[in-house]
C-alpha atoms as a PDB file:
ATOM      1  CA  UNK A   1     148.677 136.526 134.725  1.00  0.00           C
ATOM      2  CA  UNK A   2     146.840 138.879 132.350  1.00  0.00           C
ATOM      3  CA  UNK A   3     150.043 140.752 131.477  1.00  0.00           C
ATOM      4  CA  UNK A   4     151.837 137.483 130.843  1.00  0.00           C
ATOM      5  CA  UNK A   5     149.293 136.548 128.165  1.00  0.00           C
ATOM      6  CA  UNK A   6     148.797 140.018 126.717  1.00  0.00           C
ATOM      7  CA  UNK A   7     152.431 140.812 125.934  1.00  0.00           C
ATOM      8  CA  UNK A   8     153.007 137.843 123.556  1.00  0.00           C
ATOM      9  CA  UNK A   9     149.695 138.523 121.815  1.00  0.00           C
ATOM     10  CA  UNK A  10     150.619 142.160 121.247  1.00  0.00           C
ATOM     11  CA  UNK A  11     154.113 141.275 120.037  1.00  0.00           C
ATOM     12  CA  UNK A  12     152.831 138.675 117.562  1.00  0.00           C
ATOM     13  CA  UNK A  13     150.048 140.980 116.387  1.00  0.00           C
ATOM     14  CA  UNK A  14     152.454 143.869 115.859  1.00  0.00           C
ATOM     15  CA  UNK A  15     154.888 141.633 114.010  1.00  0.00           C
ATOM     16  CA  UNK A  16     152.082 140.415 111.745  1.00  0.00           C
ATOM     17  CA  UNK A  17     150.937 143.968 111.067  1.00  0.00           C
ATOM     18  CA  UNK A  18     154.462 145.091 110.159  1.00  0.00           C
ATOM     19  CA  UNK A  19     154.998 142.084 107.868  1.00  0.00           C
ATOM     20  CA  UNK A  20     151.696 142.773 106.120  1.00  0.00           C
ATOM     21  CA  UNK A  21     152.573 146.423 105.725  1.00  0.00           C
ATOM     22  CA  UNK A  22     155.959 145.559 104.231  1.00  0.00           C
ATOM     23  CA  UNK A  23     154.360 143.096 101.803  1.00  0.00           C
ATOM     24  CA  UNK A  24     151.814 145.715 100.729  1.00  0.00           C
ATOM     25  CA  UNK A  25     154.570 148.258 100.124  1.00  0.00           C
ATOM     26  CA  UNK A  26     156.624 145.702  98.191  1.00  0.00           C
ATOM     27  CA  UNK A  27     153.619 144.750  96.067  1.00  0.00           C
ATOM     28  CA  UNK A  28     153.003 148.407  95.325  1.00  0.00           C
ATOM     29  CA  UNK A  29     156.521 149.361  94.292  1.00  0.00           C
ATOM     30  CA  UNK A  30     157.890 146.037  92.963  1.00  0.00           C
ATOM     31  CA  UNK A  31     154.861 145.124  90.886  1.00  0.00           C
ATOM     32  CA  UNK A  32     155.728 144.030  87.339  1.00  0.00           C
ATOM     33  CA  UNK A  33     153.161 145.272  84.843  1.00  0.00           C
ATOM     34  CA  UNK A  34     151.767 142.680  82.454  1.00  0.00           C
ATOM     35  CA  UNK A  35     149.832 143.620  79.392  1.00  0.00           C
ATOM     36  CA  UNK A  36     146.191 142.600  80.038  1.00  0.00           C
ATOM     37  CA  UNK A  37     145.969 141.381  76.446  1.00  0.00           C
ATOM     38  CA  UNK A  38     148.235 138.445  77.351  1.00  0.00           C
ATOM     39  CA  UNK A  39     145.562 136.996  79.631  1.00  0.00           C
ATOM     40  CA  UNK A  40     142.888 137.563  76.990  1.00  0.00           C
ATOM     41  CA  UNK A  41     144.948 135.853  74.275  1.00  0.00           C
ATOM     42  CA  UNK A  42     145.690 132.956  76.632  1.00  0.00           C
ATOM     43  CA  UNK A  43     141.965 132.477  77.212  1.00  0.00           C
ATOM     44  CA  UNK A  44     141.375 132.313  73.440  1.00  0.00           C
ATOM     45  CA  UNK A  45     143.976 129.563  72.987  1.00  0.00           C
ATOM     46  CA  UNK A  46     142.842 125.937  73.483  1.00  0.00           C
ATOM     47  CA  UNK A  47     144.985 125.372  76.598  1.00  0.00           C
ATOM     48  CA  UNK A  48     146.544 122.128  75.344  1.00  0.00           C
ATOM     49  CA  UNK A  49     150.071 123.318  76.272  1.00  0.00           C
ATOM     50  CA  UNK A  50     151.410 120.891  73.674  1.00  0.00           C
ATOM     51  CA  UNK A  51     154.346 123.030  72.501  1.00  0.00           C
ATOM     52  CA  UNK A  52     153.486 122.507  68.839  1.00  0.00           C
ATOM     53  CA  UNK A  53     153.754 126.266  68.261  1.00  0.00           C
ATOM     54  CA  UNK A  54     157.409 126.212  69.332  1.00  0.00           C
ATOM     55  CA  UNK A  55     156.805 127.834  72.733  1.00  0.00           C
ATOM     56  CA  UNK A  56     156.716 126.339  76.223  1.00  0.00           C
ATOM     57  CA  UNK A  57     152.932 126.486  76.478  1.00  0.00           C
ATOM     58  CA  UNK A  58     149.841 128.548  75.729  1.00  0.00           C
ATOM     59  CA  UNK A  59     150.721 131.306  78.200  1.00  0.00           C
ATOM     60  CA  UNK A  60     154.251 131.598  76.813  1.00  0.00           C
ATOM     61  CA  UNK A  61     152.905 131.686  73.258  1.00  0.00           C
ATOM     62  CA  UNK A  62     150.350 134.357  74.218  1.00  0.00           C
ATOM     63  CA  UNK A  63     153.129 136.485  75.697  1.00  0.00           C
ATOM     64  CA  UNK A  64     155.144 136.085  72.493  1.00  0.00           C
ATOM     65  CA  UNK A  65     152.143 137.132  70.385  1.00  0.00           C
ATOM     66  CA  UNK A  66     151.524 140.294  72.404  1.00  0.00           C
ATOM     67  CA  UNK A  67     155.073 141.361  73.280  1.00  0.00           C
ATOM     68  CA  UNK A  68     157.169 139.976  70.421  1.00  0.00           C
ATOM     69  CA  UNK A  69     154.739 140.067  67.518  1.00  0.00           C
ATOM     70  CA  UNK A  70     154.682 136.278  66.982  1.00  0.00           C
ATOM     71  CA  UNK A  71     152.171 135.183  64.305  1.00  0.00           C
ATOM     72  CA  UNK A  72     148.765 134.384  65.861  1.00  0.00           C
ATOM     73  CA  UNK A  73     148.231 131.319  63.653  1.00  0.00           C
ATOM     74  CA  UNK A  74     151.047 129.073  64.932  1.00  0.00           C
ATOM     75  CA  UNK A  75     148.756 127.161  67.292  1.00  0.00           C
ATOM     76  CA  UNK A  76     147.566 124.156  65.297  1.00  0.00           C
ATOM     77  CA  UNK A  77     144.907 122.996  67.802  1.00  0.00           C
ATOM     78  CA  UNK A  78     143.394 126.490  67.813  1.00  0.00           C
ATOM     79  CA  UNK A  79     140.252 126.830  65.712  1.00  0.00           C
ATOM     80  CA  UNK A  80     140.045 129.253  62.814  1.00  0.00           C
ATOM     81  CA  UNK A  81     137.540 131.313  64.803  1.00  0.00           C
ATOM     82  CA  UNK A  82     139.937 131.492  67.746  1.00  0.00           C
ATOM     83  CA  UNK A  83     142.774 132.660  65.497  1.00  0.00           C
ATOM     84  CA  UNK A  84     140.514 135.349  64.032  1.00  0.00           C
ATOM     85  CA  UNK A  85     139.524 136.533  67.512  1.00  0.00           C
ATOM     86  CA  UNK A  86     143.185 136.802  68.530  1.00  0.00           C
ATOM     87  CA  UNK A  87     144.032 138.736  65.357  1.00  0.00           C
ATOM     88  CA  UNK A  88     141.069 141.069  65.915  1.00  0.00           C
ATOM     89  CA  UNK A  89     142.130 141.687  69.523  1.00  0.00           C
ATOM     90  CA  UNK A  90     145.623 142.686  68.415  1.00  0.00           C
ATOM     91  CA  UNK A  91     144.530 144.539  65.294  1.00  0.00           C
ATOM     92  CA  UNK A  92     146.519 142.359  62.890  1.00  0.00           C
ATOM     93  CA  UNK A  93     145.590 140.426  59.783  1.00  0.00           C
ATOM     94  CA  UNK A  94     144.181 136.955  60.380  1.00  0.00           C
ATOM     95  CA  UNK A  95     145.976 134.534  58.082  1.00  0.00           C
ATOM     96  CA  UNK A  96     144.276 131.177  57.876  1.00  0.00           C
ATOM     97  CA  UNK A  97     146.492 128.138  58.405  1.00  0.00           C
ATOM     98  CA  UNK A  98     145.485 124.832  56.846  1.00  0.00           C
ATOM     99  CA  UNK A  99     144.396 122.156  59.274  1.00  0.00           C
ATOM    100  CA  UNK A 100     147.044 119.447  59.664  1.00  0.00           C
ATOM    101  CA  UNK A 101     146.646 115.919  61.008  1.00  0.00           C
ATOM    102  CA  UNK A 102     149.162 113.243  61.967  1.00  0.00           C
ATOM    103  CA  UNK A 103     149.671 110.283  59.661  1.00  0.00           C
ATOM    104  CA  UNK A 104     151.593 107.068  60.390  1.00  0.00           C
ATOM    105  CA  UNK A 105     153.484 106.190  57.208  1.00  0.00           C
ATOM    106  CA  UNK A 106     153.242 102.446  57.714  1.00  0.00           C
ATOM    107  CA  UNK A 107     150.543  99.820  57.266  1.00  0.00           C
ATOM    108  CA  UNK A 108     152.675  96.794  58.068  1.00  0.00           C
ATOM    109  CA  UNK A 109     151.356  95.391  61.315  1.00  0.00           C
ATOM    110  CA  UNK A 110     152.178  91.888  62.526  1.00  0.00           C
ATOM    111  CA  UNK A 111     149.818  90.334  59.971  1.00  0.00           C
ATOM    112  CA  UNK A 112     151.414  91.974  56.924  1.00  0.00           C
ATOM    113  CA  UNK A 113     155.054  92.357  57.991  1.00  0.00           C
ATOM    114  CA  UNK A 114     157.396  89.705  59.312  1.00  0.00           C
ATOM    115  CA  UNK A 115     159.626  89.335  62.361  1.00  0.00           C
ATOM    116  CA  UNK A 116     163.049  87.739  62.474  1.00  0.00           C
ATOM    117  CA  UNK A 117     162.888  86.940  66.186  1.00  0.00           C
ATOM    118  CA  UNK A 118     160.559  87.285  69.180  1.00  0.00           C
ATOM    119  CA  UNK A 119     161.275  90.460  71.111  1.00  0.00           C
ATOM    120  CA  UNK A 120     160.785  90.050  74.862  1.00  0.00           C
ATOM    121  CA  UNK A 121     162.270  93.308  76.122  1.00  0.00           C
ATOM    122  CA  UNK A 122     160.857  96.596  77.345  1.00  0.00           C
ATOM    123  CA  UNK A 123     157.597  97.417  75.518  1.00  0.00           C
ATOM    124  CA  UNK A 124     158.882 100.784  74.324  1.00  0.00           C
ATOM    125  CA  UNK A 125     159.716 101.832  70.781  1.00  0.00           C
ATOM    126  CA  UNK A 126     163.121 103.435  71.428  1.00  0.00           C
ATOM    127  CA  UNK A 127     164.387 100.398  73.341  1.00  0.00           C
ATOM    128  CA  UNK A 128     163.042  97.970  70.738  1.00  0.00           C
ATOM    129  CA  UNK A 129     164.551  99.987  67.892  1.00  0.00           C
ATOM    130  CA  UNK A 130     167.964  99.902  69.569  1.00  0.00           C
ATOM    131  CA  UNK A 131     167.728  96.119  69.981  1.00  0.00           C
ATOM    132  CA  UNK A 132     167.793  95.116  66.319  1.00  0.00           C
ATOM    133  CA  UNK A 133     164.474  96.741  65.665  1.00  0.00           C
ATOM    134  CA  UNK A 134     162.573  94.617  68.160  1.00  0.00           C
ATOM    135  CA  UNK A 135     162.733  91.666  65.791  1.00  0.00           C
ATOM    136  CA  UNK A 136     160.854  93.429  62.993  1.00  0.00           C
ATOM    137  CA  UNK A 137     162.371  92.552  59.618  1.00  0.00           C
ATOM    138  CA  UNK A 138     161.492  95.924  58.065  1.00  0.00           C
ATOM    139  CA  UNK A 139     163.882  98.436  59.558  1.00  0.00           C
ATOM    140  CA  UNK A 140     161.524 101.265  58.563  1.00  0.00           C
ATOM    141  CA  UNK A 141     158.252  99.850  59.902  1.00  0.00           C
ATOM    142  CA  UNK A 142     156.102 100.766  62.898  1.00  0.00           C
ATOM    143  CA  UNK A 143     157.184  98.914  66.033  1.00  0.00           C
ATOM    144  CA  UNK A 144     153.781  99.296  67.647  1.00  0.00           C
ATOM    145  CA  UNK A 145     154.796  99.774  71.287  1.00  0.00           C
ATOM    146  CA  UNK A 146     152.879 103.026  71.644  1.00  0.00           C
ATOM    147  CA  UNK A 147     155.401 105.807  72.307  1.00  0.00           C
ATOM    148  CA  UNK A 148     153.297 108.051  70.086  1.00  0.00           C
ATOM    149  CA  UNK A 149     150.039 107.060  71.781  1.00  0.00           C
ATOM    150  CA  UNK A 150     151.423 107.789  75.240  1.00  0.00           C
ATOM    151  CA  UNK A 151     152.426 111.376  74.397  1.00  0.00           C
ATOM    152  CA  UNK A 152     149.193 112.260  72.571  1.00  0.00           C
ATOM    153  CA  UNK A 153     147.292 114.696  74.844  1.00  0.00           C
ATOM    154  CA  UNK A 154     143.877 113.866  73.356  1.00  0.00           C
ATOM    155  CA  UNK A 155     144.135 110.101  72.839  1.00  0.00           C
ATOM    156  CA  UNK A 156     143.998 110.360  69.049  1.00  0.00           C
ATOM    157  CA  UNK A 157     146.459 107.475  68.505  1.00  0.00           C
ATOM    158  CA  UNK A 158     145.794 103.834  69.237  1.00  0.00           C
ATOM    159  CA  UNK A 159     147.978 100.759  68.793  1.00  0.00           C
ATOM    160  CA  UNK A 160     145.766  97.949  67.558  1.00  0.00           C
ATOM    161  CA  UNK A 161     145.977  94.227  68.056  1.00  0.00           C
ATOM    162  CA  UNK A 162     148.550  93.925  65.260  1.00  0.00           C
ATOM    163  CA  UNK A 163     151.110  96.309  66.817  1.00  0.00           C
ATOM    164  CA  UNK A 164     150.456  99.185  64.447  1.00  0.00           C
ATOM    165  CA  UNK A 165     149.838 102.786  65.462  1.00  0.00           C
ATOM    166  CA  UNK A 166     146.718 104.321  63.914  1.00  0.00           C
ATOM    167  CA  UNK A 167     145.666 107.992  64.105  1.00  0.00           C
ATOM    168  CA  UNK A 168     142.077 109.159  64.361  1.00  0.00           C
ATOM    169  CA  UNK A 169     142.149 112.309  62.169  1.00  0.00           C
ATOM    170  CA  UNK A 170     138.932 113.593  63.699  1.00  0.00           C
ATOM    171  CA  UNK A 171     140.499 113.800  67.175  1.00  0.00           C
ATOM    172  CA  UNK A 172     144.028 114.835  66.161  1.00  0.00           C
ATOM    173  CA  UNK A 173     144.930 118.406  67.182  1.00  0.00           C
ATOM    174  CA  UNK A 174     148.162 118.410  65.120  1.00  0.00           C
ATOM    175  CA  UNK A 175     150.377 119.242  68.106  1.00  0.00           C
ATOM    176  CA  UNK A 176     153.295 117.264  66.634  1.00  0.00           C
ATOM    177  CA  UNK A 177     154.257 115.490  69.869  1.00  0.00           C
ATOM    178  CA  UNK A 178     153.841 112.087  68.227  1.00  0.00           C
ATOM    179  CA  UNK A 179     156.156 113.142  65.399  1.00  0.00           C
ATOM    180  CA  UNK A 180     158.943 113.758  67.923  1.00  0.00           C
ATOM    181  CA  UNK A 181     158.189 110.584  69.890  1.00  0.00           C
ATOM    182  CA  UNK A 182     158.610 108.120  67.009  1.00  0.00           C
ATOM    183  CA  UNK A 183     162.223 106.848  66.847  1.00  0.00           C
ATOM    184  CA  UNK A 184     161.779 105.787  63.223  1.00  0.00           C
ATOM    185  CA  UNK A 185     160.392 109.128  61.952  1.00  0.00           C
ATOM    186  CA  UNK A 186     157.263 107.396  60.674  1.00  0.00           C
ATOM    187  CA  UNK A 187     154.750 110.055  61.638  1.00  0.00           C
ATOM    188  CA  UNK A 188     154.184 113.155  59.569  1.00  0.00           C
ATOM    189  CA  UNK A 189     151.763 116.062  59.784  1.00  0.00           C
ATOM    190  CA  UNK A 190     149.858 116.260  56.510  1.00  0.00           C
ATOM    191  CA  UNK A 191     147.045 118.548  55.277  1.00  0.00           C
ATOM    192  CA  UNK A 192     143.667 117.328  56.491  1.00  0.00           C
ATOM    193  CA  UNK A 193     142.168 118.101  53.079  1.00  0.00           C
ATOM    194  CA  UNK A 194     144.268 115.355  51.432  1.00  0.00           C
ATOM    195  CA  UNK A 195     142.823 111.859  51.492  1.00  0.00           C
ATOM    196  CA  UNK A 196     145.269 109.780  49.392  1.00  0.00           C
ATOM    197  CA  UNK A 197     148.442 108.637  51.146  1.00  0.00           C
ATOM    198  CA  UNK A 198     151.358 106.264  50.612  1.00  0.00           C
ATOM    199  CA  UNK A 199     151.719 104.340  53.866  1.00  0.00           C
ATOM    200  CA  UNK A 200     155.335 103.254  53.593  1.00  0.00           C
ATOM    201  CA  UNK A 201     158.811 104.557  54.380  1.00  0.00           C
ATOM    202  CA  UNK A 202     160.850 101.562  53.189  1.00  0.00           C
ATOM    203  CA  UNK A 203     163.681 102.670  50.917  1.00  0.00           C
ATOM    204  CA  UNK A 204     165.171  99.246  50.257  1.00  0.00           C
ATOM    205  CA  UNK A 205     165.092  97.590  46.853  1.00  0.00           C
ATOM    206  CA  UNK A 206     161.801  95.968  45.900  1.00  0.00           C
ATOM    207  CA  UNK A 207     163.010  92.401  46.359  1.00  0.00           C
ATOM    208  CA  UNK A 208     164.112  93.153  49.918  1.00  0.00           C
ATOM    209  CA  UNK A 209     160.869  94.978  50.698  1.00  0.00           C
ATOM    210  CA  UNK A 210     158.811  91.996  49.559  1.00  0.00           C
ATOM    211  CA  UNK A 211     160.679  89.730  51.966  1.00  0.00           C
ATOM    212  CA  UNK A 212     159.968  92.065  54.872  1.00  0.00           C
ATOM    213  CA  UNK A 213     156.401  93.219  54.218  1.00  0.00           C
ATOM    214  CA  UNK A 214     153.400  92.375  52.041  1.00  0.00           C
ATOM    215  CA  UNK A 215     152.268  95.994  51.676  1.00  0.00           C
ATOM    216  CA  UNK A 216     155.559  97.875  51.270  1.00  0.00           C
ATOM    217  CA  UNK A 217     156.488 100.058  48.296  1.00  0.00           C
ATOM    218  CA  UNK A 218     158.525  98.050  45.767  1.00  0.00           C
ATOM    219  CA  UNK A 219     159.425 101.035  43.538  1.00  0.00           C
ATOM    220  CA  UNK A 220     157.454  99.755  40.550  1.00  0.00           C
ATOM    221  CA  UNK A 221     156.550 103.409  39.767  1.00  0.00           C
ATOM    222  CA  UNK A 222     153.082 102.486  38.486  1.00  0.00           C
ATOM    223  CA  UNK A 223     151.505 105.132  40.703  1.00  0.00           C
ATOM    224  CA  UNK A 224     153.930 107.827  39.537  1.00  0.00           C
ATOM    225  CA  UNK A 225     153.212 106.999  35.895  1.00  0.00           C
ATOM    226  CA  UNK A 226     149.455 106.973  36.520  1.00  0.00           C
ATOM    227  CA  UNK A 227     149.694 110.390  38.166  1.00  0.00           C
ATOM    228  CA  UNK A 228     151.895 111.619  35.274  1.00  0.00           C
ATOM    229  CA  UNK A 229     154.327 113.007  37.793  1.00  0.00           C
ATOM    230  CA  UNK A 230     151.711 115.325  39.355  1.00  0.00           C
ATOM    231  CA  UNK A 231     151.566 114.911  43.136  1.00  0.00           C
ATOM    232  CA  UNK A 232     153.826 111.860  43.275  1.00  0.00           C
ATOM    233  CA  UNK A 233     157.548 111.416  42.768  1.00  0.00           C
ATOM    234  CA  UNK A 234     160.248 108.865  43.493  1.00  0.00           C
ATOM    235  CA  UNK A 235     162.866 109.323  46.198  1.00  0.00           C
ATOM    236  CA  UNK A 236     165.199 106.446  45.516  1.00  0.00           C
ATOM    237  CA  UNK A 237     163.143 103.276  45.866  1.00  0.00           C
ATOM    238  CA  UNK A 238     160.167 104.949  47.519  1.00  0.00           C
ATOM    239  CA  UNK A 239     157.158 106.730  46.008  1.00  0.00           C
ATOM    240  CA  UNK A 240     156.431 109.921  47.961  1.00  0.00           C
ATOM    241  CA  UNK A 241     153.340 112.138  48.012  1.00  0.00           C
ATOM    242  CA  UNK A 242     153.654 115.844  47.233  1.00  0.00           C
ATOM    243  CA  UNK A 243     150.999 117.336  49.496  1.00  0.00           C
ATOM    244  CA  UNK A 244     150.930 120.629  47.641  1.00  0.00           C
ATOM    245  CA  UNK A 245     148.964 118.956  44.830  1.00  0.00           C
ATOM    246  CA  UNK A 246     145.723 116.937  44.966  1.00  0.00           C
ATOM    247  CA  UNK A 247     145.727 113.217  44.143  1.00  0.00           C
ATOM    248  CA  UNK A 248     142.979 111.174  42.536  1.00  0.00           C
ATOM    249  CA  UNK A 249     141.472 108.345  44.651  1.00  0.00           C
ATOM    250  CA  UNK A 250     141.821 106.164  41.549  1.00  0.00           C
ATOM    251  CA  UNK A 251     145.511 105.763  42.420  1.00  0.00           C
ATOM    252  CA  UNK A 252     144.525 103.455  45.280  1.00  0.00           C
ATOM    253  CA  UNK A 253     143.698 100.675  42.804  1.00  0.00           C
ATOM    254  CA  UNK A 254     146.863 101.209  40.753  1.00  0.00           C
ATOM    255  CA  UNK A 255     149.317 100.034  43.419  1.00  0.00           C
ATOM    256  CA  UNK A 256     149.897  96.236  43.219  1.00  0.00           C
ATOM    257  CA  UNK A 257     151.137  96.176  46.830  1.00  0.00           C
ATOM    258  CA  UNK A 258     148.126  98.072  48.219  1.00  0.00           C
ATOM    259  CA  UNK A 259     150.530 100.606  49.714  1.00  0.00           C
ATOM    260  CA  UNK A 260     148.310 103.540  48.707  1.00  0.00           C
ATOM    261  CA  UNK A 261     145.301 104.185  50.919  1.00  0.00           C
ATOM    262  CA  UNK A 262     142.472 106.666  50.953  1.00  0.00           C
ATOM    263  CA  UNK A 263     141.747 108.125  54.358  1.00  0.00           C
ATOM    264  CA  UNK A 264     138.704 110.355  54.776  1.00  0.00           C
ATOM    265  CA  UNK A 265     139.701 113.997  54.611  1.00  0.00           C
ATOM    266  CA  UNK A 266     139.567 115.724  57.981  1.00  0.00           C
ATOM    267  CA  UNK A 267     137.372 118.738  58.679  1.00  0.00           C
ATOM    268  CA  UNK A 268     138.538 122.005  57.268  1.00  0.00           C
ATOM    269  CA  UNK A 269     139.250 124.856  59.723  1.00  0.00           C
END
């Protein structure tokens, strides 16, 4: 009886020992060396894994920094101090990147813009846009079904009671996921230091814009004339901000349609 029990135990034990030995040998000779700096750089990144840097995630970006010489300032959520620490670790120059925040270029919620019919389909921006714009008369306006809010990893975007997406610049990490999620290309990353914005993307003639929205740009060019062409220019029937130049808050009162808004400047890096 003792031999009957002992033999299987010995066989299983020997098999386990041999398997462990083989795994140890394989780990010793098949080990792939990884630069220890990759782990250190990964720990200095914010860990959002948003892909805003153009890589699959923070670990992939850290590997690209160490092994391929990728610039250490591509991570927008990363603080300026974190970027400096990464540059110091690698012995490269730390180039400061300006803080960017998302901005929804529309202020025409259900109160200010009109609808041609009641949309009763899937509450999703892409679907609504494909179905005659979800009933929204302005074919450039925010649909308000929250595609951008759902992809935001930090909850910086909310869709209010009037079906209009609004970004909290203080919480935005500038990952750019909302920019890709909007089917109407209404969201743009702008410098956090700029506070004056034109919240419209409508490129129709003024008379058509008035019929669709109370706060749309009607191409009167009063703002461009007031700015003397510095920081503002016309693209067809739409006034557009040049974010390389500062704009005076006084322009807010110039626009008869109240299309120009002043949003508090976000914190500098």
